[in-house]
Amino acid sequence: MPPKKSTSGPQAVRRARVSRVIAACGLCDADERTAKIVSGLCPECLAMCEAAGPVYAPVPETFLPGPRVGGLPGADEVVDVTDRVDALRRAAGLR
């Protein structure tokens, strides 16, 4: 016995309507009703970040480039792909 058709199809589904959006500070969650939000921060948090200055954290060694260990010989060579493909096609008799 086949299943019965649903009476509530895609047309019957009501979509939520966003009528108001409130911006909040990214650090202290103060919203725009209590403080003016500038660049995602309230004035107090913005002043605190500007006073601290830029933060330069050391980069972990796992993110630094290093020499490759192992691998195929010639894997680090820069190859012009078009010339290489043309050479392979000539060797295969396709050109």
N, C-alpha and C. Protein backbone atom coordinates (compact mmCIF):
# COMPACT_ATOMS: atom_id res chain seq x y z
N MET A 1 0.85 -1.16 0.00
CA MET A 1 0.00 0.00 0.00
C MET A 1 0.90 1.24 0.00
N PRO A 2 0.76 2.15 -0.97
CA PRO A 2 1.62 3.33 -1.04
C PRO A 2 1.29 4.30 0.10
N PRO A 3 2.28 5.10 0.50
CA PRO A 3 2.01 6.07 1.57
C PRO A 3 1.08 7.17 1.08
N LYS A 4 0.36 7.76 2.03
CA LYS A 4 -0.56 8.83 1.69
C LYS A 4 0.23 10.12 1.48
N LYS A 5 -0.29 10.96 0.59
CA LYS A 5 0.36 12.24 0.34
C LYS A 5 0.17 13.15 1.54
N SER A 6 1.22 13.90 1.81
CA SER A 6 1.18 14.83 2.93
C SER A 6 0.37 16.06 2.55
N THR A 7 -0.43 16.52 3.49
CA THR A 7 -1.23 17.72 3.22
C THR A 7 -0.41 18.99 3.45
N SER A 8 0.68 18.86 4.20
CA SER A 8 1.52 20.03 4.45
C SER A 8 2.77 19.92 3.59
N GLY A 9 2.71 20.46 2.39
CA GLY A 9 3.83 20.43 1.46
C GLY A 9 4.78 21.59 1.72
N PRO A 10 5.72 21.82 0.80
CA PRO A 10 6.68 22.91 0.96
C PRO A 10 6.01 24.28 1.03
N GLN A 11 4.83 24.40 0.40
CA GLN A 11 4.13 25.68 0.44
C GLN A 11 3.55 25.94 1.82
N ALA A 12 3.24 24.89 2.55
CA ALA A 12 2.61 25.05 3.85
C ALA A 12 3.62 25.41 4.94
N VAL A 13 4.89 25.20 4.69
CA VAL A 13 5.91 25.50 5.69
C VAL A 13 6.08 27.01 5.78
N ARG A 14 5.96 27.52 7.00
CA ARG A 14 6.13 28.97 7.18
C ARG A 14 7.58 29.25 7.48
N ARG A 15 8.10 30.25 6.82
CA ARG A 15 9.48 30.65 7.03
C ARG A 15 9.51 31.73 8.09
N ALA A 16 10.56 31.69 8.92
CA ALA A 16 10.73 32.73 9.93
C ALA A 16 11.14 34.02 9.27
N ARG A 17 10.67 35.11 9.76
CA ARG A 17 11.00 36.42 9.22
C ARG A 17 11.81 37.18 10.26
N VAL A 18 12.97 37.65 9.85
CA VAL A 18 13.81 38.44 10.74
C VAL A 18 13.39 39.89 10.59
N SER A 19 12.89 40.45 11.67
CA SER A 19 12.41 41.82 11.59
C SER A 19 13.36 42.81 12.26
N ARG A 20 14.29 42.29 13.10
CA ARG A 20 15.21 43.18 13.79
C ARG A 20 16.49 42.44 14.11
N VAL A 21 17.60 43.12 13.94
CA VAL A 21 18.90 42.54 14.24
C VAL A 21 19.59 43.46 15.24
N ILE A 22 20.21 42.89 16.25
CA ILE A 22 20.93 43.67 17.25
C ILE A 22 22.40 43.29 17.19
N ALA A 23 23.25 44.29 16.98
CA ALA A 23 24.70 44.05 16.98
C ALA A 23 25.20 44.02 18.41
N ALA A 24 26.21 43.19 18.66
CA ALA A 24 26.78 43.07 20.01
C ALA A 24 28.29 43.16 19.92
N CYS A 25 28.91 43.59 21.01
CA CYS A 25 30.37 43.68 21.09
C CYS A 25 30.95 42.27 21.04
N GLY A 26 32.03 42.12 20.31
CA GLY A 26 32.63 40.80 20.16
C GLY A 26 33.35 40.31 21.41
N LEU A 27 33.65 41.19 22.35
CA LEU A 27 34.38 40.77 23.55
C LEU A 27 33.51 40.69 24.80
N CYS A 28 32.68 41.71 25.03
CA CYS A 28 31.92 41.73 26.28
C CYS A 28 30.42 41.53 26.08
N ASP A 29 29.97 41.34 24.86
CA ASP A 29 28.57 41.11 24.52
C ASP A 29 27.64 42.26 24.87
N ALA A 30 28.15 43.47 25.01
CA ALA A 30 27.28 44.64 25.18
C ALA A 30 26.60 44.88 23.84
N ASP A 31 25.27 45.08 23.88
CA ASP A 31 24.57 45.25 22.61
C ASP A 31 24.46 46.72 22.24
N GLU A 32 23.97 46.97 21.03
CA GLU A 32 23.92 48.33 20.52
C GLU A 32 22.89 49.20 21.22
N ARG A 33 22.04 48.60 22.04
CA ARG A 33 21.08 49.40 22.79
C ARG A 33 21.74 50.08 23.99
N THR A 34 22.85 49.49 24.50
CA THR A 34 23.52 50.05 25.67
C THR A 34 24.82 50.76 25.33
N ALA A 35 25.44 50.43 24.20
CA ALA A 35 26.72 51.05 23.83
C ALA A 35 26.80 51.13 22.31
N LYS A 36 27.53 52.10 21.83
CA LYS A 36 27.72 52.24 20.38
C LYS A 36 28.76 51.21 19.93
N ILE A 37 28.44 50.44 18.93
CA ILE A 37 29.33 49.40 18.43
C ILE A 37 30.12 49.96 17.25
N VAL A 38 31.46 49.98 17.38
CA VAL A 38 32.35 50.47 16.34
C VAL A 38 33.30 49.34 15.96
N SER A 39 33.28 48.93 14.71
CA SER A 39 34.12 47.83 14.21
C SER A 39 33.92 46.55 15.02
N GLY A 40 32.71 46.32 15.46
CA GLY A 40 32.40 45.09 16.19
C GLY A 40 32.71 45.14 17.67
N LEU A 41 33.18 46.29 18.18
CA LEU A 41 33.52 46.41 19.60
C LEU A 41 32.87 47.64 20.21
N CYS A 42 32.58 47.56 21.51
CA CYS A 42 32.08 48.73 22.23
C CYS A 42 33.26 49.67 22.51
N PRO A 43 33.01 50.94 22.86
CA PRO A 43 34.12 51.88 23.07
C PRO A 43 35.11 51.43 24.15
N GLU A 44 34.64 50.82 25.22
CA GLU A 44 35.54 50.37 26.29
C GLU A 44 36.49 49.27 25.79
N CYS A 45 35.95 48.29 25.10
CA CYS A 45 36.78 47.19 24.60
C CYS A 45 37.71 47.69 23.48
N LEU A 46 37.22 48.62 22.66
CA LEU A 46 38.03 49.18 21.60
C LEU A 46 39.22 49.95 22.18
N ALA A 47 38.98 50.74 23.24
CA ALA A 47 40.06 51.47 23.89
C ALA A 47 41.06 50.52 24.53
N MET A 48 40.56 49.44 25.12
CA MET A 48 41.44 48.45 25.74
C MET A 48 42.33 47.77 24.68
N CYS A 49 41.76 47.46 23.53
CA CYS A 49 42.54 46.81 22.46
C CYS A 49 43.56 47.78 21.86
N GLU A 50 43.17 49.03 21.69
CA GLU A 50 44.10 50.01 21.14
C GLU A 50 45.24 50.31 22.11
N ALA A 51 44.95 50.30 23.42
CA ALA A 51 45.99 50.55 24.42
C ALA A 51 46.99 49.40 24.47
N ALA A 52 46.51 48.18 24.26
CA ALA A 52 47.39 47.01 24.30
C ALA A 52 48.30 46.98 23.08
N GLY A 53 47.88 47.59 21.99
CA GLY A 53 48.69 47.60 20.78
C GLY A 53 48.58 46.28 20.04
N PRO A 54 49.25 46.20 18.90
CA PRO A 54 49.18 44.96 18.14
C PRO A 54 49.89 43.82 18.86
N VAL A 55 49.33 42.65 18.74
CA VAL A 55 49.90 41.47 19.39
C VAL A 55 50.55 40.60 18.31
N TYR A 56 51.84 40.39 18.45
CA TYR A 56 52.56 39.54 17.52
C TYR A 56 52.99 38.28 18.25
N ALA A 57 52.22 37.24 18.09
CA ALA A 57 52.53 35.97 18.74
C ALA A 57 53.50 35.19 17.86
N PRO A 58 54.38 34.43 18.48
CA PRO A 58 55.29 33.63 17.66
C PRO A 58 54.52 32.56 16.87
N VAL A 59 54.98 32.30 15.67
CA VAL A 59 54.35 31.31 14.81
C VAL A 59 54.86 29.93 15.21
N PRO A 60 53.95 28.97 15.46
CA PRO A 60 54.41 27.62 15.82
C PRO A 60 55.25 27.01 14.70
N GLU A 61 56.18 26.17 15.07
CA GLU A 61 57.08 25.55 14.09
C GLU A 61 56.34 24.70 13.07
N THR A 62 55.18 24.19 13.46
CA THR A 62 54.43 23.36 12.52
C THR A 62 53.91 24.17 11.34
N PHE A 63 53.81 25.50 11.48
CA PHE A 63 53.33 26.34 10.40
C PHE A 63 54.46 26.94 9.58
N LEU A 64 55.69 26.78 10.00
CA LEU A 64 56.83 27.32 9.27
C LEU A 64 57.25 26.37 8.17
N PRO A 65 57.70 26.90 7.02
CA PRO A 65 58.15 26.01 5.96
C PRO A 65 59.46 25.34 6.35
N GLY A 66 59.58 24.12 5.96
CA GLY A 66 60.80 23.39 6.27
C GLY A 66 61.20 22.52 5.11
N PRO A 67 62.38 21.94 5.18
CA PRO A 67 62.81 21.07 4.08
C PRO A 67 61.97 19.79 4.06
N ARG A 68 61.73 19.32 2.87
CA ARG A 68 60.98 18.07 2.73
C ARG A 68 61.90 16.90 3.00
N VAL A 69 61.38 15.94 3.69
CA VAL A 69 62.13 14.74 3.98
C VAL A 69 61.53 13.62 3.15
N GLY A 70 62.36 12.93 2.40
CA GLY A 70 61.87 11.84 1.56
C GLY A 70 61.19 12.37 0.32
N GLY A 71 60.22 11.66 -0.17
CA GLY A 71 59.52 12.07 -1.38
C GLY A 71 60.23 11.57 -2.62
N LEU A 72 59.65 11.84 -3.75
CA LEU A 72 60.21 11.41 -5.01
C LEU A 72 61.31 12.35 -5.46
N PRO A 73 62.32 11.84 -6.16
CA PRO A 73 63.35 12.74 -6.66
C PRO A 73 62.76 13.68 -7.71
N GLY A 74 63.13 14.95 -7.60
CA GLY A 74 62.62 15.95 -8.52
C GLY A 74 61.26 16.49 -8.15
N ALA A 75 60.73 16.12 -6.99
CA ALA A 75 59.39 16.58 -6.59
C ALA A 75 59.37 18.07 -6.32
N ASP A 76 60.50 18.65 -5.95
CA ASP A 76 60.54 20.06 -5.64
C ASP A 76 60.90 20.93 -6.84
N GLU A 77 61.13 20.32 -8.01
CA GLU A 77 61.48 21.09 -9.19
C GLU A 77 60.27 21.85 -9.72
N VAL A 78 60.52 23.04 -10.24
CA VAL A 78 59.46 23.81 -10.88
C VAL A 78 59.41 23.37 -12.34
N VAL A 79 58.24 22.91 -12.77
CA VAL A 79 58.08 22.36 -14.11
C VAL A 79 57.01 23.16 -14.84
N ASP A 80 57.29 23.50 -16.09
CA ASP A 80 56.27 24.13 -16.93
C ASP A 80 55.32 23.03 -17.38
N VAL A 81 54.11 23.10 -16.89
CA VAL A 81 53.16 22.02 -17.11
C VAL A 81 52.82 21.86 -18.58
N THR A 82 52.67 22.96 -19.32
CA THR A 82 52.31 22.85 -20.74
C THR A 82 53.39 22.13 -21.53
N ASP A 83 54.66 22.47 -21.29
CA ASP A 83 55.75 21.79 -22.00
C ASP A 83 55.79 20.31 -21.62
N ARG A 84 55.57 20.01 -20.36
CA ARG A 84 55.61 18.61 -19.90
C ARG A 84 54.48 17.81 -20.55
N VAL A 85 53.29 18.37 -20.63
CA VAL A 85 52.16 17.67 -21.25
C VAL A 85 52.40 17.46 -22.73
N ASP A 86 52.94 18.47 -23.40
CA ASP A 86 53.24 18.33 -24.82
C ASP A 86 54.27 17.22 -25.06
N ALA A 87 55.29 17.13 -24.20
CA ALA A 87 56.30 16.09 -24.31
C ALA A 87 55.67 14.71 -24.10
N LEU A 88 54.79 14.59 -23.13
CA LEU A 88 54.14 13.30 -22.88
C LEU A 88 53.23 12.92 -24.04
N ARG A 89 52.53 13.87 -24.61
CA ARG A 89 51.67 13.56 -25.76
C ARG A 89 52.48 13.13 -26.97
N ARG A 90 53.63 13.79 -27.20
CA ARG A 90 54.50 13.38 -28.31
C ARG A 90 55.04 11.98 -28.07
N ALA A 91 55.43 11.68 -26.83
CA ALA A 91 55.96 10.34 -26.52
C ALA A 91 54.90 9.27 -26.68
N ALA A 92 53.63 9.62 -26.42
CA ALA A 92 52.57 8.64 -26.55
C ALA A 92 52.06 8.54 -27.99
N GLY A 93 52.57 9.40 -28.87
CA GLY A 93 52.15 9.36 -30.27
C GLY A 93 50.83 10.05 -30.50
N LEU A 94 50.44 10.92 -29.60
CA LEU A 94 49.15 11.64 -29.75
C LEU A 94 49.32 12.93 -30.53
N ARG A 95 50.58 13.33 -30.81
CA ARG A 95 50.80 14.55 -31.60
C ARG A 95 51.81 14.29 -32.65
